């Protein structure tokens, strides 16, 4: 399977259960590996998934939403990429940055869909 990779995508997102986390958006790092439908050469945008459109969709959507858990956010990202963009498989990593002293990142990674052979 061919993949599109989006790494180190930084977004301000309202996320967290603790009162201090709810005061302002936190910068999250999102990494995506998006499986492409079908096989063979990709000669035009219609043959692939527009990663710019994926990034813009997530940027717009997260600007109006609030999440208690990273797990919920990651699950919703996976659903958007699969349902709206037609990806058969996606890996989503969402990380909070420097949340805990001495820890650079904490987060979740999930995979959804079926990765064909």
C-alpha atoms as a PDB file:
ATOM      1  CA  UNK A   1       0.000   0.000   0.000  1.00  0.00           C
ATOM      2  CA  UNK A   2       1.156   3.500  -0.802  1.00  0.00           C
ATOM      3  CA  UNK A   3       1.003   6.136   1.918  1.00  0.00           C
ATOM      4  CA  UNK A   4       0.932   9.868   2.383  1.00  0.00           C
ATOM      5  CA  UNK A   5       2.827  11.068   5.442  1.00  0.00           C
ATOM      6  CA  UNK A   6       2.095  14.309   7.291  1.00  0.00           C
ATOM      7  CA  UNK A   7       4.510  14.916  10.164  1.00  0.00           C
ATOM      8  CA  UNK A   8       4.955  17.544  12.837  1.00  0.00           C
ATOM      9  CA  UNK A   9       1.630  19.215  12.021  1.00  0.00           C
ATOM     10  CA  UNK A  10       1.128  21.664  14.900  1.00  0.00           C
ATOM     11  CA  UNK A  11      -2.327  22.859  15.896  1.00  0.00           C
ATOM     12  CA  UNK A  12      -3.755  24.861  18.799  1.00  0.00           C
ATOM     13  CA  UNK A  13      -6.579  22.723  20.217  1.00  0.00           C
ATOM     14  CA  UNK A  14      -8.828  23.015  23.259  1.00  0.00           C
ATOM     15  CA  UNK A  15      -8.120  19.681  24.912  1.00  0.00           C
ATOM     16  CA  UNK A  16      -7.896  18.353  28.448  1.00  0.00           C
ATOM     17  CA  UNK A  17      -9.857  17.399  31.525  1.00  0.00           C
ATOM     18  CA  UNK A  18      -8.071  19.519  34.096  1.00  0.00           C
ATOM     19  CA  UNK A  19      -9.325  23.073  34.746  1.00  0.00           C
ATOM     20  CA  UNK A  20      -5.925  24.581  33.895  1.00  0.00           C
ATOM     21  CA  UNK A  21      -5.991  22.766  30.524  1.00  0.00           C
ATOM     22  CA  UNK A  22      -9.335  24.345  29.714  1.00  0.00           C
ATOM     23  CA  UNK A  23      -8.076  27.919  30.036  1.00  0.00           C
ATOM     24  CA  UNK A  24      -6.483  28.121  26.589  1.00  0.00           C
ATOM     25  CA  UNK A  25      -5.743  25.958  23.568  1.00  0.00           C
ATOM     26  CA  UNK A  26      -2.677  23.718  23.752  1.00  0.00           C
ATOM     27  CA  UNK A  27      -0.342  23.241  20.818  1.00  0.00           C
ATOM     28  CA  UNK A  28      -0.561  19.620  19.724  1.00  0.00           C
ATOM     29  CA  UNK A  29       1.645  17.724  17.321  1.00  0.00           C
ATOM     30  CA  UNK A  30      -0.266  15.534  14.897  1.00  0.00           C
ATOM     31  CA  UNK A  31       1.374  12.954  12.665  1.00  0.00           C
ATOM     32  CA  UNK A  32      -0.593  11.065  10.032  1.00  0.00           C
ATOM     33  CA  UNK A  33       0.168   8.091   7.817  1.00  0.00           C
ATOM     34  CA  UNK A  34      -2.660   7.857   5.296  1.00  0.00           C
ATOM     35  CA  UNK A  35      -3.119   4.746   3.191  1.00  0.00           C
ATOM     36  CA  UNK A  36      -4.013   5.470  -0.408  1.00  0.00           C
ATOM     37  CA  UNK A  37      -6.830   3.608  -2.132  1.00  0.00           C
ATOM     38  CA  UNK A  38      -5.963   1.428  -5.110  1.00  0.00           C
ATOM     39  CA  UNK A  39      -2.580   0.583  -6.562  1.00  0.00           C
ATOM     40  CA  UNK A  40      -0.383   1.802  -9.352  1.00  0.00           C
ATOM     41  CA  UNK A  41       1.070   5.088 -10.495  1.00  0.00           C
ATOM     42  CA  UNK A  42      -0.544   8.312  -9.430  1.00  0.00           C
ATOM     43  CA  UNK A  43      -0.380  10.887 -12.198  1.00  0.00           C
ATOM     44  CA  UNK A  44      -2.954  13.424 -10.993  1.00  0.00           C
ATOM     45  CA  UNK A  45      -4.574  14.722  -7.828  1.00  0.00           C
ATOM     46  CA  UNK A  46      -7.695  12.685  -8.625  1.00  0.00           C
ATOM     47  CA  UNK A  47      -5.539   9.542  -8.205  1.00  0.00           C
ATOM     48  CA  UNK A  48      -4.533  10.306  -4.639  1.00  0.00           C
ATOM     49  CA  UNK A  49      -5.643  12.063  -1.454  1.00  0.00           C
ATOM     50  CA  UNK A  50      -5.033  15.811  -1.285  1.00  0.00           C
ATOM     51  CA  UNK A  51      -2.922  16.168   1.867  1.00  0.00           C
ATOM     52  CA  UNK A  52      -3.336  19.955   1.747  1.00  0.00           C
ATOM     53  CA  UNK A  53      -7.102  19.524   1.905  1.00  0.00           C
ATOM     54  CA  UNK A  54      -6.735  17.069   4.819  1.00  0.00           C
ATOM     55  CA  UNK A  55      -4.569  19.534   6.752  1.00  0.00           C
ATOM     56  CA  UNK A  56      -6.935  22.432   6.090  1.00  0.00           C
ATOM     57  CA  UNK A  57      -9.988  20.351   7.045  1.00  0.00           C
ATOM     58  CA  UNK A  58      -8.396  19.391  10.372  1.00  0.00           C
ATOM     59  CA  UNK A  59      -7.228  22.958  11.012  1.00  0.00           C
ATOM     60  CA  UNK A  60     -10.723  24.376  10.428  1.00  0.00           C
ATOM     61  CA  UNK A  61     -12.525  21.639  12.349  1.00  0.00           C
ATOM     62  CA  UNK A  62     -10.320  21.739  15.472  1.00  0.00           C
ATOM     63  CA  UNK A  63     -10.633  25.533  15.698  1.00  0.00           C
ATOM     64  CA  UNK A  64     -14.291  25.182  16.718  1.00  0.00           C
ATOM     65  CA  UNK A  65     -14.219  22.004  18.825  1.00  0.00           C
ATOM     66  CA  UNK A  66     -13.194  21.090  22.386  1.00  0.00           C
ATOM     67  CA  UNK A  67     -12.041  17.655  23.525  1.00  0.00           C
ATOM     68  CA  UNK A  68     -11.659  16.106  26.952  1.00  0.00           C
ATOM     69  CA  UNK A  69      -9.305  13.339  25.790  1.00  0.00           C
ATOM     70  CA  UNK A  70      -6.652  12.968  23.118  1.00  0.00           C
ATOM     71  CA  UNK A  71      -8.127   9.544  22.378  1.00  0.00           C
ATOM     72  CA  UNK A  72     -11.413  11.128  21.282  1.00  0.00           C
ATOM     73  CA  UNK A  73      -9.609  13.674  19.128  1.00  0.00           C
ATOM     74  CA  UNK A  74      -7.480  10.983  17.449  1.00  0.00           C
ATOM     75  CA  UNK A  75     -10.533   8.807  16.810  1.00  0.00           C
ATOM     76  CA  UNK A  76     -12.390  11.704  15.174  1.00  0.00           C
ATOM     77  CA  UNK A  77      -9.354  12.581  13.030  1.00  0.00           C
ATOM     78  CA  UNK A  78      -9.180   8.976  11.820  1.00  0.00           C
ATOM     79  CA  UNK A  79     -12.889   9.041  10.958  1.00  0.00           C
ATOM     80  CA  UNK A  80     -12.546  12.281   8.978  1.00  0.00           C
ATOM     81  CA  UNK A  81      -9.581  11.002   6.982  1.00  0.00           C
ATOM     82  CA  UNK A  82     -11.315   7.706   6.192  1.00  0.00           C
ATOM     83  CA  UNK A  83     -14.896   8.906   5.680  1.00  0.00           C
ATOM     84  CA  UNK A  84     -14.335  12.232   3.943  1.00  0.00           C
ATOM     85  CA  UNK A  85     -11.140  11.518   2.016  1.00  0.00           C
ATOM     86  CA  UNK A  86     -11.579   7.831   1.226  1.00  0.00           C
ATOM     87  CA  UNK A  87      -8.473   6.469   2.916  1.00  0.00           C
ATOM     88  CA  UNK A  88      -8.779   2.719   3.519  1.00  0.00           C
ATOM     89  CA  UNK A  89      -6.349   2.910   6.451  1.00  0.00           C
ATOM     90  CA  UNK A  90      -4.871   5.631   8.657  1.00  0.00           C
ATOM     91  CA  UNK A  91      -2.436   5.897  11.571  1.00  0.00           C
ATOM     92  CA  UNK A  92      -2.980   8.956  13.778  1.00  0.00           C
ATOM     93  CA  UNK A  93      -0.548  10.160  16.428  1.00  0.00           C
ATOM     94  CA  UNK A  94      -1.564  13.082  18.654  1.00  0.00           C
ATOM     95  CA  UNK A  95       0.929  14.454  21.160  1.00  0.00           C
ATOM     96  CA  UNK A  96       0.748  17.101  23.864  1.00  0.00           C
ATOM     97  CA  UNK A  97       4.061  18.951  24.035  1.00  0.00           C
ATOM     98  CA  UNK A  98       5.968  19.599  27.271  1.00  0.00           C
ATOM     99  CA  UNK A  99       2.906  18.943  29.417  1.00  0.00           C
ATOM    100  CA  UNK A 100       4.817  17.204  32.212  1.00  0.00           C
ATOM    101  CA  UNK A 101       8.156  18.445  33.521  1.00  0.00           C
ATOM    102  CA  UNK A 102      10.956  16.332  32.096  1.00  0.00           C
ATOM    103  CA  UNK A 103       8.715  14.751  29.432  1.00  0.00           C
ATOM    104  CA  UNK A 104       8.900  16.133  25.905  1.00  0.00           C
ATOM    105  CA  UNK A 105       5.648  14.595  24.635  1.00  0.00           C
ATOM    106  CA  UNK A 106       2.718  12.503  25.823  1.00  0.00           C
ATOM    107  CA  UNK A 107       0.039  11.236  23.519  1.00  0.00           C
ATOM    108  CA  UNK A 108      -1.809   8.487  21.724  1.00  0.00           C
ATOM    109  CA  UNK A 109      -1.344   6.531  18.515  1.00  0.00           C
ATOM    110  CA  UNK A 110      -4.123   4.622  16.811  1.00  0.00           C
ATOM    111  CA  UNK A 111      -4.705   2.838  13.534  1.00  0.00           C
ATOM    112  CA  UNK A 112      -8.070   2.461  11.854  1.00  0.00           C
ATOM    113  CA  UNK A 113      -9.169   0.645   8.721  1.00  0.00           C
ATOM    114  CA  UNK A 114      -7.745  -2.233   6.788  1.00  0.00           C
ATOM    115  CA  UNK A 115      -4.301  -2.166   5.262  1.00  0.00           C
ATOM    116  CA  UNK A 116      -4.429  -4.241   2.065  1.00  0.00           C
ATOM    117  CA  UNK A 117      -1.490  -6.469   1.138  1.00  0.00           C
END
